[in-house]
Amino acid sequence: MTSTRDAADLTTTLVEWVSNLLPDAKVRAATGPDQSPAVIPGGEKHVAVRLVGLEAQQSPRSGDTISQELRLDYEFAVACSDAIAAHQALADLAFALVERRAPGERSDHVRGDGNRITAAFTLQRQRDLPRAKPVRERVFGLYPNVQVAGVVRAQDGTPIPRARVQIQDSDRLIITNDVGAFGFAAPDGSVIRAKVSAKGKTTDVELKPDKSNLITLTMEA
């Protein structure tokens, strides 16, 4: 019949509410079996507020929040030396429970059995889910590719086939063809450093794409 976050708060609220409703009654929170006095002194009226059942369930996720609900069944047991006064107290309590309109209340049924009335209440808790860290996207500069071409040849101009052109700072390896030529694509305007080796000779070169797309590398034979 009501929504709150703590069972202790709900029980305390109900005890105070019944005390205001039945100011001539001694109202207390109770657990376990009914422990009302066997003999009620004349004129006295006792009400025990007892938690007798609960049921938990989890509501569907809503956005970044998970809601959990706990249904609590409370029993209000009335003991009085005067049976008629006890009947009246039970009726007043039942009417008040049906008409109770605290913030967040739900219209659950009120049930009675003998000198007891049972009503259902709900606890609701919400838990915020941790938000995923924003993904930082790496920004790449996009440039058009151009062809870098060259020929590996000896000092006398003889082409050197099967020469190795190793692009530095990468795992890229280009092998010259039968006439010592090689070619590959690279971003326009980039500077490519490479290590060229053939026949036991090695040299470091810098390859620059240009309008002619033709680079001649001279090596010792």
C-alpha atoms as a PDB file:
ATOM      1  CA  MET A   1       0.000   0.000   0.000  1.00  0.00           C
ATOM      2  CA  THR A   2       2.963   2.318   0.231  1.00  0.00           C
ATOM      3  CA  SER A   3       6.417   2.732  -1.268  1.00  0.00           C
ATOM      4  CA  THR A   4       9.524   3.453   0.745  1.00  0.00           C
ATOM      5  CA  ARG A   5      13.191   2.440   0.848  1.00  0.00           C
ATOM      6  CA  ASP A   6      13.735   0.899   4.307  1.00  0.00           C
ATOM      7  CA  ALA A   7      11.761  -1.790   6.128  1.00  0.00           C
ATOM      8  CA  ALA A   8      12.615  -0.209   9.486  1.00  0.00           C
ATOM      9  CA  ASP A   9      11.126   3.103   8.361  1.00  0.00           C
ATOM     10  CA  LEU A  10       7.988   1.381   7.095  1.00  0.00           C
ATOM     11  CA  THR A  11       7.447  -0.571  10.314  1.00  0.00           C
ATOM     12  CA  THR A  12       8.017   2.550  12.442  1.00  0.00           C
ATOM     13  CA  THR A  13       5.611   4.533  10.263  1.00  0.00           C
ATOM     14  CA  LEU A  14       2.903   1.876  10.599  1.00  0.00           C
ATOM     15  CA  VAL A  15       3.249   1.674  14.388  1.00  0.00           C
ATOM     16  CA  GLU A  16       2.934   5.454  14.661  1.00  0.00           C
ATOM     17  CA  TRP A  17       0.011   5.494  12.240  1.00  0.00           C
ATOM     18  CA  VAL A  18      -1.939   2.845  14.190  1.00  0.00           C
ATOM     19  CA  SER A  19      -1.164   4.687  17.460  1.00  0.00           C
ATOM     20  CA  ASN A  20      -2.726   7.852  16.029  1.00  0.00           C
ATOM     21  CA  LEU A  21      -5.684   5.900  14.644  1.00  0.00           C
ATOM     22  CA  LEU A  22      -6.346   4.044  17.926  1.00  0.00           C
ATOM     23  CA  PRO A  23      -5.072   6.410  20.635  1.00  0.00           C
ATOM     24  CA  ASP A  24      -6.454   4.185  23.424  1.00  0.00           C
ATOM     25  CA  ALA A  25      -4.434   1.149  22.249  1.00  0.00           C
ATOM     26  CA  LYS A  26      -0.914   0.036  23.159  1.00  0.00           C
ATOM     27  CA  VAL A  27       0.751  -0.465  19.770  1.00  0.00           C
ATOM     28  CA  ARG A  28       4.069  -2.249  19.308  1.00  0.00           C
ATOM     29  CA  ALA A  29       6.132  -3.880  16.588  1.00  0.00           C
ATOM     30  CA  ALA A  30       6.372  -7.656  16.961  1.00  0.00           C
ATOM     31  CA  THR A  31       8.071 -10.669  15.390  1.00  0.00           C
ATOM     32  CA  GLY A  32       7.392 -14.390  15.443  1.00  0.00           C
ATOM     33  CA  PRO A  33       4.144 -15.928  16.768  1.00  0.00           C
ATOM     34  CA  ASP A  34       1.437 -13.843  18.401  1.00  0.00           C
ATOM     35  CA  GLN A  35       2.643 -12.935  21.892  1.00  0.00           C
ATOM     36  CA  SER A  36      -0.370 -10.934  23.045  1.00  0.00           C
ATOM     37  CA  PRO A  37      -1.054 -11.218  26.783  1.00  0.00           C
ATOM     38  CA  ALA A  38      -3.252 -14.189  27.663  1.00  0.00           C
ATOM     39  CA  VAL A  39      -5.323 -11.985  29.947  1.00  0.00           C
ATOM     40  CA  ILE A  40      -6.049  -8.402  28.904  1.00  0.00           C
ATOM     41  CA  PRO A  41      -6.837  -6.100  31.844  1.00  0.00           C
ATOM     42  CA  GLY A  42     -10.223  -4.482  31.604  1.00  0.00           C
ATOM     43  CA  GLY A  43     -10.339  -1.526  29.287  1.00  0.00           C
ATOM     44  CA  GLU A  44      -6.937  -2.213  27.741  1.00  0.00           C
ATOM     45  CA  LYS A  45      -6.433  -2.685  24.018  1.00  0.00           C
ATOM     46  CA  HIS A  46      -3.270  -4.061  22.382  1.00  0.00           C
ATOM     47  CA  VAL A  47      -2.241  -3.999  18.716  1.00  0.00           C
ATOM     48  CA  ALA A  48       0.792  -5.898  17.427  1.00  0.00           C
ATOM     49  CA  VAL A  49       2.257  -4.891  14.055  1.00  0.00           C
ATOM     50  CA  ARG A  50       4.067  -7.902  12.630  1.00  0.00           C
ATOM     51  CA  LEU A  51       5.865  -8.646   9.336  1.00  0.00           C
ATOM     52  CA  VAL A  52       4.512 -12.020   8.207  1.00  0.00           C
ATOM     53  CA  GLY A  53       5.590 -12.377   4.575  1.00  0.00           C
ATOM     54  CA  LEU A  54       7.715 -10.910   1.810  1.00  0.00           C
ATOM     55  CA  GLU A  55       8.318 -11.401  -1.903  1.00  0.00           C
ATOM     56  CA  ALA A  56      11.080  -9.788  -3.991  1.00  0.00           C
ATOM     57  CA  GLN A  57      11.216  -9.109  -7.696  1.00  0.00           C
ATOM     58  CA  GLN A  58      13.319  -7.038 -10.093  1.00  0.00           C
ATOM     59  CA  SER A  59      11.673  -4.681 -12.540  1.00  0.00           C
ATOM     60  CA  PRO A  60      12.885  -4.343 -16.141  1.00  0.00           C
ATOM     61  CA  ARG A  61      15.866  -2.066 -16.636  1.00  0.00           C
ATOM     62  CA  SER A  62      14.948   1.529 -17.446  1.00  0.00           C
ATOM     63  CA  GLY A  63      17.751   3.489 -19.067  1.00  0.00           C
ATOM     64  CA  ASP A  64      20.701   3.482 -16.681  1.00  0.00           C
ATOM     65  CA  THR A  65      18.615   2.407 -13.653  1.00  0.00           C
ATOM     66  CA  ILE A  66      17.564  -0.974 -12.238  1.00  0.00           C
ATOM     67  CA  SER A  67      14.514  -1.013  -9.935  1.00  0.00           C
ATOM     68  CA  GLN A  68      13.959  -3.683  -7.302  1.00  0.00           C
ATOM     69  CA  GLU A  69      10.665  -4.226  -5.500  1.00  0.00           C
ATOM     70  CA  LEU A  70       9.992  -6.020  -2.240  1.00  0.00           C
ATOM     71  CA  ARG A  71       6.399  -6.814  -1.294  1.00  0.00           C
ATOM     72  CA  LEU A  72       5.869  -6.927   2.475  1.00  0.00           C
ATOM     73  CA  ASP A  73       2.800  -8.420   4.138  1.00  0.00           C
ATOM     74  CA  TYR A  74       2.070  -6.873   7.517  1.00  0.00           C
ATOM     75  CA  GLU A  75      -0.316  -8.287  10.096  1.00  0.00           C
ATOM     76  CA  PHE A  76      -2.187  -6.105  12.582  1.00  0.00           C
ATOM     77  CA  ALA A  77      -3.363  -8.252  15.532  1.00  0.00           C
ATOM     78  CA  VAL A  78      -5.869  -6.729  17.978  1.00  0.00           C
ATOM     79  CA  ALA A  79      -6.293  -8.043  21.530  1.00  0.00           C
ATOM     80  CA  CYS A  80      -8.888  -6.589  23.894  1.00  0.00           C
ATOM     81  CA  SER A  81     -10.797  -7.745  26.983  1.00  0.00           C
ATOM     82  CA  ASP A  82     -13.969  -6.332  25.427  1.00  0.00           C
ATOM     83  CA  ALA A  83     -14.874  -8.355  22.302  1.00  0.00           C
ATOM     84  CA  ILE A  84     -17.147  -5.625  20.938  1.00  0.00           C
ATOM     85  CA  ALA A  85     -14.382  -3.018  21.328  1.00  0.00           C
ATOM     86  CA  ALA A  86     -11.983  -5.412  19.586  1.00  0.00           C
ATOM     87  CA  HIS A  87     -14.417  -5.837  16.688  1.00  0.00           C
ATOM     88  CA  GLN A  88     -14.781  -2.082  16.371  1.00  0.00           C
ATOM     89  CA  ALA A  89     -11.011  -1.589  16.435  1.00  0.00           C
ATOM     90  CA  LEU A  90     -10.582  -4.170  13.660  1.00  0.00           C
ATOM     91  CA  ALA A  91     -13.268  -2.472  11.551  1.00  0.00           C
ATOM     92  CA  ASP A  92     -11.743   0.987  12.090  1.00  0.00           C
ATOM     93  CA  LEU A  93      -8.310  -0.370  11.177  1.00  0.00           C
ATOM     94  CA  ALA A  94      -9.629  -2.101   8.033  1.00  0.00           C
ATOM     95  CA  PHE A  95     -11.439   1.032   6.812  1.00  0.00           C
ATOM     96  CA  ALA A  96      -8.359   3.163   7.502  1.00  0.00           C
ATOM     97  CA  LEU A  97      -6.077   0.771   5.595  1.00  0.00           C
ATOM     98  CA  VAL A  98      -8.391   0.823   2.566  1.00  0.00           C
ATOM     99  CA  GLU A  99      -8.646   4.625   2.648  1.00  0.00           C
ATOM    100  CA  ARG A 100      -4.964   5.212   3.451  1.00  0.00           C
ATOM    101  CA  ARG A 101      -3.413   7.463   0.815  1.00  0.00           C
ATOM    102  CA  ALA A 102       0.218   8.051   1.665  1.00  0.00           C
ATOM    103  CA  PRO A 103       2.594   9.176  -1.123  1.00  0.00           C
ATOM    104  CA  GLY A 104       3.275   6.374  -3.576  1.00  0.00           C
ATOM    105  CA  GLU A 105       0.581   4.049  -2.220  1.00  0.00           C
ATOM    106  CA  ARG A 106      -0.969   1.239  -4.192  1.00  0.00           C
ATOM    107  CA  SER A 107      -4.514  -0.087  -3.749  1.00  0.00           C
ATOM    108  CA  ASP A 108      -3.748  -3.600  -2.532  1.00  0.00           C
ATOM    109  CA  HIS A 109      -6.496  -5.631  -0.860  1.00  0.00           C
ATOM    110  CA  VAL A 110      -6.878  -5.703   2.892  1.00  0.00           C
ATOM    111  CA  ARG A 111      -7.651  -9.152   4.308  1.00  0.00           C
ATOM    112  CA  GLY A 112      -8.947 -10.193   7.716  1.00  0.00           C
ATOM    113  CA  ASP A 113      -8.936 -13.417   9.728  1.00  0.00           C
ATOM    114  CA  GLY A 114     -10.194 -13.644  13.296  1.00  0.00           C
ATOM    115  CA  ASN A 115      -8.597 -10.824  15.277  1.00  0.00           C
ATOM    116  CA  ARG A 116      -5.997 -10.071  12.573  1.00  0.00           C
ATOM    117  CA  ILE A 117      -5.871  -7.904   9.463  1.00  0.00           C
ATOM    118  CA  THR A 118      -3.210  -8.325   6.798  1.00  0.00           C
ATOM    119  CA  ALA A 119      -2.245  -5.697   4.236  1.00  0.00           C
ATOM    120  CA  ALA A 120       0.491  -5.613   1.570  1.00  0.00           C
ATOM    121  CA  PHE A 121       3.042  -2.846   1.208  1.00  0.00           C
ATOM    122  CA  THR A 122       5.986  -2.405  -1.141  1.00  0.00           C
ATOM    123  CA  LEU A 123       9.598  -1.367  -0.772  1.00  0.00           C
ATOM    124  CA  GLN A 124      11.241   0.024  -3.880  1.00  0.00           C
ATOM    125  CA  ARG A 125      14.930   0.538  -4.426  1.00  0.00           C
ATOM    126  CA  GLN A 126      16.674   1.918  -7.470  1.00  0.00           C
ATOM    127  CA  ARG A 127      20.289   1.367  -8.401  1.00  0.00           C
ATOM    128  CA  ASP A 128      22.063   3.471 -10.977  1.00  0.00           C
ATOM    129  CA  LEU A 129      24.201   1.453 -13.335  1.00  0.00           C
ATOM    130  CA  PRO A 130      27.738   2.700 -13.972  1.00  0.00           C
ATOM    131  CA  ARG A 131      27.894   4.494 -17.241  1.00  0.00           C
ATOM    132  CA  ALA A 132      30.317   3.233 -19.818  1.00  0.00           C
ATOM    133  CA  LYS A 133      33.308   5.439 -20.340  1.00  0.00           C
ATOM    134  CA  PRO A 134      33.037   7.429 -23.536  1.00  0.00           C
ATOM    135  CA  VAL A 135      34.913   5.859 -26.392  1.00  0.00           C
ATOM    136  CA  ARG A 136      37.597   8.124 -27.651  1.00  0.00           C
ATOM    137  CA  GLU A 137      37.911   7.745 -31.360  1.00  0.00           C
ATOM    138  CA  ARG A 138      41.291   8.228 -32.893  1.00  0.00           C
ATOM    139  CA  VAL A 139      41.211  10.828 -35.617  1.00  0.00           C
ATOM    140  CA  PHE A 140      43.104   9.863 -38.714  1.00  0.00           C
ATOM    141  CA  GLY A 141      44.204  12.310 -41.352  1.00  0.00           C
ATOM    142  CA  LEU A 142      43.075  10.990 -44.708  1.00  0.00           C
ATOM    143  CA  TYR A 143      45.308  11.799 -47.621  1.00  0.00           C
ATOM    144  CA  PRO A 144      45.209  10.538 -51.221  1.00  0.00           C
ATOM    145  CA  ASN A 145      47.767   7.901 -52.109  1.00  0.00           C
ATOM    146  CA  VAL A 146      50.408   8.268 -54.782  1.00  0.00           C
ATOM    147  CA  GLN A 147      52.690   5.735 -56.343  1.00  0.00           C
ATOM    148  CA  VAL A 148      56.308   5.618 -55.206  1.00  0.00           C
ATOM    149  CA  ALA A 149      58.463   3.971 -57.840  1.00  0.00           C
ATOM    150  CA  GLY A 150      62.136   3.347 -58.276  1.00  0.00           C
ATOM    151  CA  VAL A 151      64.808   1.239 -59.747  1.00  0.00           C
ATOM    152  CA  VAL A 152      67.723  -0.404 -57.956  1.00  0.00           C
ATOM    153  CA  ARG A 153      70.785  -0.568 -60.150  1.00  0.00           C
ATOM    154  CA  ALA A 154      74.545  -0.770 -59.941  1.00  0.00           C
ATOM    155  CA  GLN A 155      76.824   2.200 -60.496  1.00  0.00           C
ATOM    156  CA  ASP A 156      77.218   1.176 -64.101  1.00  0.00           C
ATOM    157  CA  GLY A 157      73.474   1.332 -64.579  1.00  0.00           C
ATOM    158  CA  THR A 158      72.855  -2.404 -64.533  1.00  0.00           C
ATOM    159  CA  PRO A 159      69.443  -3.218 -62.966  1.00  0.00           C
ATOM    160  CA  ILE A 160      69.594  -5.411 -59.849  1.00  0.00           C
ATOM    161  CA  PRO A 161      66.700  -7.880 -59.576  1.00  0.00           C
ATOM    162  CA  ARG A 162      65.622  -9.344 -56.207  1.00  0.00           C
ATOM    163  CA  ALA A 163      66.944  -6.330 -54.284  1.00  0.00           C
ATOM    164  CA  ARG A 164      65.285  -5.754 -50.917  1.00  0.00           C
ATOM    165  CA  VAL A 165      63.580  -2.450 -50.119  1.00  0.00           C
ATOM    166  CA  GLN A 166      62.687  -2.461 -46.410  1.00  0.00           C
ATOM    167  CA  ILE A 167      60.464   0.452 -45.376  1.00  0.00           C
ATOM    168  CA  GLN A 168      61.639   1.715 -41.991  1.00  0.00           C
ATOM    169  CA  ASP A 169      59.278   1.808 -38.987  1.00  0.00           C
ATOM    170  CA  SER A 170      57.057  -0.821 -40.664  1.00  0.00           C
ATOM    171  CA  ASP A 171      57.047  -4.461 -41.668  1.00  0.00           C
ATOM    172  CA  ARG A 172      56.729  -3.554 -45.322  1.00  0.00           C
ATOM    173  CA  LEU A 173      59.250  -5.216 -47.625  1.00  0.00           C
ATOM    174  CA  ILE A 174      59.329  -4.751 -51.383  1.00  0.00           C
ATOM    175  CA  ILE A 175      61.405  -6.931 -53.733  1.00  0.00           C
ATOM    176  CA  THR A 176      62.531  -5.511 -57.070  1.00  0.00           C
ATOM    177  CA  ASN A 177      61.485  -7.279 -60.268  1.00  0.00           C
ATOM    178  CA  ASP A 178      63.632  -8.672 -63.049  1.00  0.00           C
ATOM    179  CA  VAL A 179      64.623  -5.202 -64.231  1.00  0.00           C
ATOM    180  CA  GLY A 180      65.331  -3.861 -60.723  1.00  0.00           C
ATOM    181  CA  ALA A 181      62.110  -1.860 -60.495  1.00  0.00           C
ATOM    182  CA  PHE A 182      59.826  -1.522 -57.503  1.00  0.00           C
ATOM    183  CA  GLY A 183      56.705   0.412 -56.642  1.00  0.00           C
ATOM    184  CA  PHE A 184      54.189   0.859 -53.856  1.00  0.00           C
ATOM    185  CA  ALA A 185      51.493   3.274 -52.736  1.00  0.00           C
ATOM    186  CA  ALA A 186      52.065   5.890 -50.031  1.00  0.00           C
ATOM    187  CA  PRO A 187      50.183   8.959 -48.758  1.00  0.00           C
ATOM    188  CA  ASP A 188      50.781  12.002 -50.901  1.00  0.00           C
ATOM    189  CA  GLY A 189      53.399  14.305 -49.448  1.00  0.00           C
ATOM    190  CA  SER A 190      54.844  11.717 -47.074  1.00  0.00           C
ATOM    191  CA  VAL A 191      58.551  11.049 -46.566  1.00  0.00           C
ATOM    192  CA  ILE A 192      59.493   7.379 -46.639  1.00  0.00           C
ATOM    193  CA  ARG A 193      62.813   6.119 -45.349  1.00  0.00           C
ATOM    194  CA  ALA A 194      63.971   2.723 -46.486  1.00  0.00           C
ATOM    195  CA  LYS A 195      66.929   0.394 -46.252  1.00  0.00           C
ATOM    196  CA  VAL A 196      67.913  -1.048 -49.619  1.00  0.00           C
ATOM    197  CA  SER A 197      70.154  -4.088 -49.810  1.00  0.00           C
ATOM    198  CA  ALA A 198      71.465  -6.336 -52.546  1.00  0.00           C
ATOM    199  CA  LYS A 199      74.560  -8.439 -53.125  1.00  0.00           C
ATOM    200  CA  GLY A 200      75.880  -7.709 -49.617  1.00  0.00           C
ATOM    201  CA  LYS A 201      75.596  -3.963 -50.040  1.00  0.00           C
ATOM    202  CA  THR A 202      73.221  -1.813 -47.999  1.00  0.00           C
ATOM    203  CA  THR A 203      72.268   1.832 -48.141  1.00  0.00           C
ATOM    204  CA  ASP A 204      69.717   4.023 -46.404  1.00  0.00           C
ATOM    205  CA  VAL A 205      67.588   6.129 -48.710  1.00  0.00           C
ATOM    206  CA  GLU A 206      64.735   8.583 -48.500  1.00  0.00           C
ATOM    207  CA  LEU A 207      61.923   8.097 -50.967  1.00  0.00           C
ATOM    208  CA  LYS A 208      59.777  11.094 -51.849  1.00  0.00           C
ATOM    209  CA  PRO A 209      56.736  10.825 -54.045  1.00  0.00           C
ATOM    210  CA  ASP A 210      56.910  13.433 -56.780  1.00  0.00           C
ATOM    211  CA  LYS A 211      55.144  14.263 -59.960  1.00  0.00           C
ATOM    212  CA  SER A 212      57.160  11.840 -61.981  1.00  0.00           C
ATOM    213  CA  ASN A 213      56.624   9.032 -59.404  1.00  0.00           C
ATOM    214  CA  LEU A 214      60.011   7.723 -60.453  1.00  0.00           C
ATOM    215  CA  ILE A 215      62.962   7.383 -58.055  1.00  0.00           C
ATOM    216  CA  THR A 216      66.274   5.884 -59.087  1.00  0.00           C
ATOM    217  CA  LEU A 217      68.454   4.418 -56.344  1.00  0.00           C
ATOM    218  CA  THR A 218      72.149   3.935 -57.102  1.00  0.00           C
ATOM    219  CA  MET A 219      74.043   1.202 -55.274  1.00  0.00           C
ATOM    220  CA  GLU A 220      77.523  -0.251 -55.487  1.00  0.00           C
ATOM    221  CA  ALA A 221      77.587  -3.466 -57.470  1.00  0.00           C
END
